[in-house]
Amino acid sequence: MKKHNYSAGPCILPDEVFEKSAQAILDFNHSGLSILEISHRSKDFVAVMEEARALVLELLGLEGKGYQALFLHGGASLEFLMVPYNLMKVNGKAAYLDTGTWANGAIKEARHFGETIVVASSKNENYNHIPKDYTIPSDADYFHCTSNNTIFGTQIKQFPQTQIPVVCDMSSDIFSRVLDFSQFDLIYAGAQKNMGPAGVTLVILKEEILGKTGREIPNMLNYQQHIAKESMYNTPPVFPIYASLLNLQWLKKQGGIATIEKINEAKATLLYAEIDRNPYFKGTAAVEDRSIMNATFLLEDEAHKDVFDTMWKEAGISGLNGHRSVGGYRASMYNALPLTSVQVLVNIMQAFEQKMNS
């Protein structure tokens, strides 16, 4: 039986992506070779790379606006240091918004390169909300934020206006909602949250922001090198890129980001309504900052944990346990999770309520 997969990442992908990926592992493009063994310089894979990079810009509405899409190694965590390496000037400074574990990790890396100003933080409240009404220094080399906080279930709903370059880690909500993506000068995202399997990182950046730091950058960490080599400075992760392309094709076929956003909002509305209605559960994130991707919630009484855990596991639900930083439960509702899976969870929560009341 196929599980209802609420894993925070690696996460659920569409069935057709699994099916086409599986076929490509056996025989890619009727070549008699597996996608796992073809040359990254082969005509077939170069076509995959070119289409994937173009489709990213198309879906985000960034075609013809001076942006490049790159597929790189190292996960979003490597971007924590690639961003300051490429954007922070020698003796410069950068501004960061601290909204969770991954934002904090990015801040720690940036401090190796220069003055790193934390404009606001919700750390003292265990990151249960998004700070607001902060000031971004106009002389910073860039401003960095994290759009969605997977662990703590919060999401930025309105991004600040500033004249300096804006960098955003969108690892866990990219392609999930409509935004004016041109307000960002650099976006990065590990694929495994909402785009593909682990092993590749997507970077979208405006070329005009590069080459201004006055520092020497190792080639492997230099965005300009990766642009010049069209994401093939070294051997790219062929299979994760191919699977990501299939997922991007699937998303376009659904109607693009505008269509998937409506579905994602319906899923989140259904689950949050039950969390708020059911007296046995409570949410952990500030209501106005709740993520539509990752809903975090607790039992009102942890003594009932074994009963509830048994019920959702028997219903075929997987990956619902919360991160140790928050505890409780985390329902990750990425693009490919169907509304029917959310309904299964809601039904279990209601059945649990009835059981406790009987």
Protein backbone atom coordinates (compact mmCIF):
# COMPACT_ATOMS: atom_id res chain seq x y z
CA MET A 1 0.00 0.00 0.00
CA LYS A 2 1.33 3.45 -0.93
CA LYS A 3 1.90 5.53 2.19
CA HIS A 4 0.60 9.02 2.81
CA ASN A 5 4.04 10.64 2.86
CA TYR A 6 4.39 13.67 5.15
CA SER A 7 8.18 13.54 5.26
CA ALA A 8 9.91 16.92 5.43
CA GLY A 9 12.57 15.85 2.93
CA PRO A 10 13.46 13.89 0.97
CA CYS A 11 9.80 14.22 0.24
CA ILE A 12 6.89 12.98 -1.82
CA LEU A 13 7.05 13.37 -5.60
CA PRO A 14 4.33 12.74 -8.22
CA ASP A 15 3.72 9.11 -9.19
CA GLU A 16 4.50 9.84 -12.84
CA VAL A 17 7.92 11.18 -11.83
CA PHE A 18 8.70 7.90 -10.08
CA GLU A 19 7.44 5.89 -13.04
CA LYS A 20 9.38 7.82 -15.68
CA SER A 21 12.49 7.88 -13.49
CA ALA A 22 12.27 4.13 -13.00
CA GLN A 23 12.00 3.58 -16.73
CA ALA A 24 14.98 5.86 -17.36
CA ILE A 25 17.07 3.84 -14.93
CA LEU A 26 16.46 0.81 -17.13
CA ASP A 27 16.62 2.54 -20.52
CA PHE A 28 16.94 6.28 -21.01
CA ASN A 29 15.43 7.69 -24.23
CA HIS A 30 15.57 4.23 -25.88
CA SER A 31 19.34 4.56 -25.89
CA GLY A 32 20.02 1.12 -24.47
CA LEU A 33 21.74 2.87 -21.55
CA SER A 34 20.55 3.76 -18.07
CA ILE A 35 20.26 7.41 -16.97
CA LEU A 36 22.71 6.33 -14.25
CA GLU A 37 25.44 5.47 -16.75
CA ILE A 38 25.13 7.94 -19.62
CA SER A 39 27.73 10.63 -20.14
CA HIS A 40 26.78 14.06 -18.84
CA ARG A 41 28.20 15.35 -22.12
CA SER A 42 25.92 13.18 -24.22
CA LYS A 43 23.40 14.86 -26.48
CA ASP A 44 20.50 13.34 -24.54
CA PHE A 45 21.60 14.67 -21.16
CA VAL A 46 22.66 18.08 -22.44
CA ALA A 47 19.08 18.41 -23.68
CA VAL A 48 17.82 17.51 -20.18
CA MET A 49 20.02 20.15 -18.57
CA GLU A 50 19.03 22.84 -21.05
CA GLU A 51 15.32 22.13 -20.69
CA ALA A 52 15.49 21.99 -16.89
CA ARG A 53 17.29 25.33 -16.63
CA ALA A 54 14.90 26.97 -19.10
CA LEU A 55 11.81 25.53 -17.41
CA VAL A 56 12.88 26.86 -14.02
CA LEU A 57 13.00 30.41 -15.40
CA GLU A 58 9.72 29.93 -17.27
CA LEU A 59 7.81 28.70 -14.22
CA LEU A 60 9.19 31.52 -12.06
CA GLY A 61 8.43 34.19 -14.67
CA LEU A 62 12.09 35.16 -14.99
CA GLU A 63 12.70 34.53 -18.68
CA GLY A 64 14.53 37.36 -20.41
CA LYS A 65 15.15 39.25 -17.17
CA GLY A 66 18.88 38.67 -16.79
CA TYR A 67 18.69 35.56 -14.63
CA GLN A 68 20.54 32.28 -14.85
CA ALA A 69 19.41 28.93 -13.42
CA LEU A 70 22.12 26.58 -12.18
CA PHE A 71 22.06 23.00 -10.93
CA LEU A 72 24.91 22.57 -8.46
CA HIS A 73 26.30 20.21 -5.83
CA GLY A 74 26.54 20.54 -2.07
CA GLY A 75 22.96 21.12 -0.94
CA ALA A 76 21.58 24.40 0.32
CA SER A 77 24.16 24.24 3.12
CA LEU A 78 26.99 24.88 0.64
CA GLU A 79 25.09 27.96 -0.55
CA PHE A 80 25.41 29.32 2.99
CA LEU A 81 29.06 30.03 2.17
CA MET A 82 28.84 30.43 -1.61
CA VAL A 83 26.52 33.41 -1.18
CA PRO A 84 28.92 35.51 0.95
CA TYR A 85 31.90 34.29 -1.07
CA ASN A 86 30.29 35.69 -4.23
CA LEU A 87 28.39 38.70 -2.86
CA MET A 88 30.10 40.07 0.26
CA LYS A 89 32.83 42.56 -0.57
CA VAL A 90 36.24 42.48 1.04
CA ASN A 91 35.72 44.46 4.28
CA GLY A 92 32.02 44.50 3.45
CA LYS A 93 28.98 43.41 5.41
CA ALA A 94 25.72 41.57 4.95
CA ALA A 95 22.30 41.62 6.65
CA TYR A 96 20.49 38.46 7.73
CA LEU A 97 17.03 37.67 9.09
CA ASP A 98 17.19 34.84 11.64
CA THR A 99 14.01 32.78 11.46
CA GLY A 100 15.16 29.22 12.11
CA THR A 101 17.84 26.57 12.14
CA TRP A 102 18.84 26.97 8.50
CA ALA A 103 18.90 30.77 8.63
CA ASN A 104 21.13 30.48 11.70
CA GLY A 105 23.43 28.13 9.78
CA ALA A 106 23.71 30.65 6.97
CA ILE A 107 24.57 33.40 9.45
CA LYS A 108 27.38 31.34 10.96
CA GLU A 109 28.96 30.78 7.54
CA ALA A 110 28.67 34.45 6.54
CA ARG A 111 30.60 35.50 9.63
CA HIS A 112 33.70 33.85 8.15
CA PHE A 113 33.66 36.44 5.35
CA GLY A 114 32.88 39.72 7.04
CA GLU A 115 30.55 41.70 9.25
CA THR A 116 27.23 39.89 9.48
CA ILE A 117 24.33 41.88 10.91
CA VAL A 118 21.28 40.04 12.22
CA VAL A 119 18.50 42.54 11.61
CA ALA A 120 15.96 40.55 13.64
CA SER A 121 15.54 37.13 15.20
CA SER A 122 12.76 34.99 16.67
CA LYS A 123 15.23 32.59 18.31
CA ASN A 124 14.23 33.55 21.85
CA GLU A 125 10.69 32.34 21.13
CA ASN A 126 11.96 29.10 19.57
CA TYR A 127 11.36 30.56 16.12
CA ASN A 128 7.57 30.38 16.44
CA HIS A 129 7.01 33.52 14.35
CA ILE A 130 8.53 35.70 11.63
CA PRO A 131 10.04 38.97 12.94
CA LYS A 132 8.58 42.14 11.46
CA ASP A 133 9.31 45.89 11.46
CA TYR A 134 13.07 45.54 11.23
CA THR A 135 15.48 47.82 9.39
CA ILE A 136 17.83 46.62 6.66
CA PRO A 137 21.04 48.68 6.48
CA SER A 138 21.25 50.36 3.08
CA ASP A 139 25.03 49.94 2.92
CA ALA A 140 24.99 46.14 3.31
CA ASP A 141 26.17 44.12 0.31
CA TYR A 142 23.01 42.00 0.40
CA PHE A 143 20.08 40.93 2.57
CA HIS A 144 19.45 37.22 3.23
CA CYS A 145 16.24 35.56 4.37
CA THR A 146 14.71 32.08 4.49
CA SER A 147 11.23 31.99 2.98
CA ASN A 148 9.92 28.89 4.76
CA ASN A 149 11.13 27.31 7.97
CA THR A 150 10.65 23.58 7.69
CA ILE A 151 11.41 22.73 11.30
CA PHE A 152 9.29 25.41 12.95
CA GLY A 153 6.41 25.66 10.47
CA THR A 154 6.65 29.38 9.70
CA GLN A 155 6.69 31.17 6.35
CA ILE A 156 7.37 34.72 5.25
CA LYS A 157 4.17 36.13 3.77
CA GLN A 158 5.49 39.56 2.79
CA PHE A 159 9.10 40.24 1.88
CA PRO A 160 10.79 43.53 2.78
CA GLN A 161 11.50 46.22 0.23
CA THR A 162 15.13 47.24 -0.02
CA GLN A 163 17.51 48.69 -2.60
CA ILE A 164 20.28 46.19 -1.87
CA PRO A 165 20.38 42.69 -3.45
CA VAL A 166 17.97 40.22 -1.83
CA VAL A 167 18.99 36.59 -1.36
CA CYS A 168 16.44 33.96 -0.37
CA ASP A 169 16.77 30.34 0.71
CA MET A 170 13.59 28.78 -0.71
CA SER A 171 14.54 25.17 -0.12
CA SER A 172 11.20 24.11 1.31
CA ASP A 173 8.65 26.19 -0.57
CA ILE A 174 10.04 26.93 -4.01
CA PHE A 175 7.46 26.43 -6.81
CA SER A 176 4.66 26.24 -4.21
CA ARG A 177 3.16 29.73 -4.32
CA VAL A 178 2.93 32.75 -6.59
CA LEU A 179 5.49 35.48 -5.85
CA ASP A 180 7.13 38.24 -7.81
CA PHE A 181 10.36 36.31 -8.10
CA SER A 182 12.07 39.28 -9.73
CA GLN A 183 12.20 40.92 -6.29
CA PHE A 184 14.99 38.45 -5.49
CA ASP A 185 18.48 38.75 -6.90
CA LEU A 186 19.49 35.24 -5.85
CA ILE A 187 17.36 32.25 -4.87
CA TYR A 188 18.70 28.88 -3.82
CA ALA A 189 16.99 25.63 -2.90
CA GLY A 190 17.96 22.08 -2.11
CA ALA A 191 15.93 19.91 -4.46
CA GLN A 192 14.80 17.36 -1.90
CA LYS A 193 12.13 19.49 -0.23
CA ASN A 194 9.79 20.23 -3.14
CA MET A 195 11.50 19.62 -6.47
CA GLY A 196 13.34 16.31 -6.76
CA PRO A 197 15.55 13.77 -5.01
CA ALA A 198 18.47 14.78 -2.82
CA GLY A 199 21.77 15.40 -4.56
CA VAL A 200 21.28 18.62 -6.50
CA THR A 201 20.80 22.27 -5.56
CA LEU A 202 19.00 24.85 -7.65
CA VAL A 203 20.40 28.39 -7.79
CA ILE A 204 18.67 31.21 -9.68
CA LEU A 205 20.59 34.46 -9.82
CA LYS A 206 20.78 37.77 -11.60
CA GLU A 207 24.14 37.93 -13.36
CA GLU A 208 24.62 41.64 -12.76
CA ILE A 209 25.18 41.16 -9.01
CA LEU A 210 28.34 39.06 -9.52
CA GLY A 211 32.01 40.00 -9.78
CA LYS A 212 31.91 42.92 -7.35
CA THR A 213 33.49 41.53 -4.19
CA GLY A 214 37.17 42.24 -4.85
CA ARG A 215 38.08 38.79 -3.56
CA GLU A 216 39.46 35.70 -5.29
CA ILE A 217 36.93 32.90 -5.36
CA PRO A 218 37.87 29.24 -5.87
CA ASN A 219 36.45 28.04 -9.18
CA MET A 220 34.25 25.38 -7.64
CA LEU A 221 32.58 28.03 -5.46
CA ASN A 222 32.37 30.73 -8.12
CA TYR A 223 28.92 31.32 -9.61
CA GLN A 224 30.46 32.93 -12.69
CA GLN A 225 32.40 29.76 -13.43
CA HIS A 226 29.25 27.65 -13.15
CA ILE A 227 27.36 30.01 -15.44
CA ALA A 228 30.17 29.91 -18.00
CA LYS A 229 30.20 26.09 -17.91
CA GLU A 230 26.39 25.85 -18.01
CA SER A 231 26.18 23.89 -14.73
CA MET A 232 28.82 21.43 -15.95
CA TYR A 233 32.01 22.79 -14.41
CA ASN A 234 32.36 19.26 -13.04
CA THR A 235 30.20 16.19 -13.55
CA PRO A 236 26.65 17.18 -12.53
CA PRO A 237 24.35 14.86 -10.54
CA VAL A 238 22.67 13.47 -13.64
CA PHE A 239 19.83 11.47 -12.12
CA PRO A 240 18.60 14.10 -9.60
CA ILE A 241 18.57 16.71 -12.37
CA TYR A 242 16.58 14.42 -14.65
CA ALA A 243 14.06 13.64 -11.89
CA SER A 244 13.79 17.37 -11.13
CA LEU A 245 13.07 18.03 -14.81
CA LEU A 246 10.26 15.47 -14.72
CA ASN A 247 8.82 17.19 -11.67
CA LEU A 248 9.02 20.61 -13.34
CA GLN A 249 7.26 19.18 -16.41
CA TRP A 250 4.57 17.75 -14.14
CA LEU A 251 4.11 21.13 -12.46
CA LYS A 252 3.75 22.91 -15.78
CA LYS A 253 1.19 20.33 -16.89
CA GLN A 254 -0.86 20.98 -13.73
CA GLY A 255 -1.12 24.63 -14.70
CA GLY A 256 2.05 25.96 -13.11
CA ILE A 257 2.59 27.66 -9.79
CA ALA A 258 -0.73 29.53 -9.74
CA THR A 259 -2.65 26.26 -9.93
CA ILE A 260 -0.54 24.39 -7.39
CA GLU A 261 -0.78 27.30 -4.96
CA LYS A 262 -4.58 26.93 -4.81
CA ILE A 263 -4.21 23.21 -4.10
CA ASN A 264 -1.58 23.85 -1.44
CA GLU A 265 -3.77 26.47 0.24
CA ALA A 266 -6.71 24.04 0.28
CA LYS A 267 -4.57 21.38 1.96
CA ALA A 268 -3.23 23.78 4.57
CA THR A 269 -6.67 25.25 5.28
CA LEU A 270 -8.13 21.80 5.84
CA LEU A 271 -5.44 20.71 8.29
CA TYR A 272 -5.11 23.98 10.22
CA ALA A 273 -8.89 24.14 10.64
CA GLU A 274 -8.79 20.75 12.33
CA ILE A 275 -5.81 21.67 14.51
CA ASP A 276 -7.68 24.78 15.71
CA ARG A 277 -11.04 23.02 16.15
CA ASN A 278 -9.89 19.83 17.84
CA PRO A 279 -9.43 20.30 21.62
CA TYR A 280 -6.73 17.62 21.72
CA PHE A 281 -4.28 19.50 19.46
CA LYS A 282 -2.62 22.89 19.30
CA GLY A 283 -0.46 24.59 16.67
CA THR A 284 3.03 25.82 17.45
CA ALA A 285 3.50 28.67 14.94
CA ALA A 286 1.95 32.12 15.11
CA VAL A 287 -1.27 31.97 13.09
CA GLU A 288 -0.32 34.84 10.77
CA ASP A 289 3.00 33.16 9.93
CA ARG A 290 1.85 29.58 9.46
CA SER A 291 3.52 27.73 6.62
CA ILE A 292 1.38 26.16 3.91
CA MET A 293 4.16 23.62 3.41
CA ASN A 294 4.92 22.44 6.96
CA ALA A 295 2.21 22.42 9.63
CA THR A 296 3.61 21.90 13.13
CA PHE A 297 1.36 20.92 16.02
CA LEU A 298 1.35 19.26 19.44
CA LEU A 299 -0.94 17.14 21.52
CA GLU A 300 -2.49 19.07 24.42
CA ASP A 301 -1.64 16.07 26.60
CA GLU A 302 1.48 14.06 25.73
CA ALA A 303 0.12 11.16 27.78
CA HIS A 304 -2.04 10.34 24.73
CA LYS A 305 0.90 10.15 22.34
CA ASP A 306 1.07 6.36 22.04
CA VAL A 307 -2.62 6.14 21.17
CA PHE A 308 -2.47 8.82 18.48
CA ASP A 309 0.78 7.49 17.03
CA THR A 310 -0.68 4.03 16.67
CA MET A 311 -3.75 5.40 14.90
CA TRP A 312 -1.95 7.44 12.26
CA LYS A 313 0.59 4.74 11.56
CA GLU A 314 -2.14 2.15 11.09
CA ALA A 315 -3.81 4.54 8.61
CA GLY A 316 -0.73 4.35 6.37
CA ILE A 317 0.65 7.77 7.30
CA SER A 318 4.43 8.18 7.25
CA GLY A 319 6.85 10.90 8.32
CA LEU A 320 4.54 12.77 10.71
CA ASN A 321 6.87 13.04 13.70
CA GLY A 322 8.00 16.56 14.49
CA HIS A 323 11.60 17.72 14.58
CA ARG A 324 13.26 17.36 17.98
CA SER A 325 13.55 21.19 18.20
CA VAL A 326 9.76 21.48 18.38
CA GLY A 327 8.48 18.02 19.23
CA GLY A 328 4.97 16.85 18.47
CA TYR A 329 4.10 16.53 14.81
CA ARG A 330 5.00 18.07 11.47
CA ALA A 331 2.83 17.53 8.42
CA SER A 332 4.83 18.48 5.32
CA MET A 333 2.38 19.13 2.50
CA TYR A 334 4.59 19.58 -0.54
CA ASN A 335 3.24 20.02 -4.05
CA ALA A 336 2.78 16.33 -4.82
CA LEU A 337 0.90 15.45 -1.62
CA PRO A 338 -2.76 15.01 -2.63
CA LEU A 339 -5.64 16.59 -0.75
CA THR A 340 -6.94 13.09 -0.07
CA SER A 341 -3.87 12.36 2.08
CA VAL A 342 -4.58 15.45 4.18
CA GLN A 343 -8.16 14.27 4.59
CA VAL A 344 -6.88 10.93 5.89
CA LEU A 345 -4.90 12.73 8.60
CA VAL A 346 -7.85 14.94 9.52
CA ASN A 347 -10.08 11.88 9.76
CA ILE A 348 -7.59 10.25 12.15
CA MET A 349 -7.47 13.38 14.31
CA GLN A 350 -11.26 13.37 14.51
CA ALA A 351 -11.34 9.64 15.28
CA PHE A 352 -8.76 10.26 18.01
CA GLU A 353 -10.99 12.94 19.51
CA GLN A 354 -13.95 10.56 19.52
CA LYS A 355 -11.83 7.84 21.14
CA MET A 356 -10.67 10.19 23.89
CA ASN A 357 -14.24 11.33 24.54
CA SER A 358 -15.71 7.83 24.73
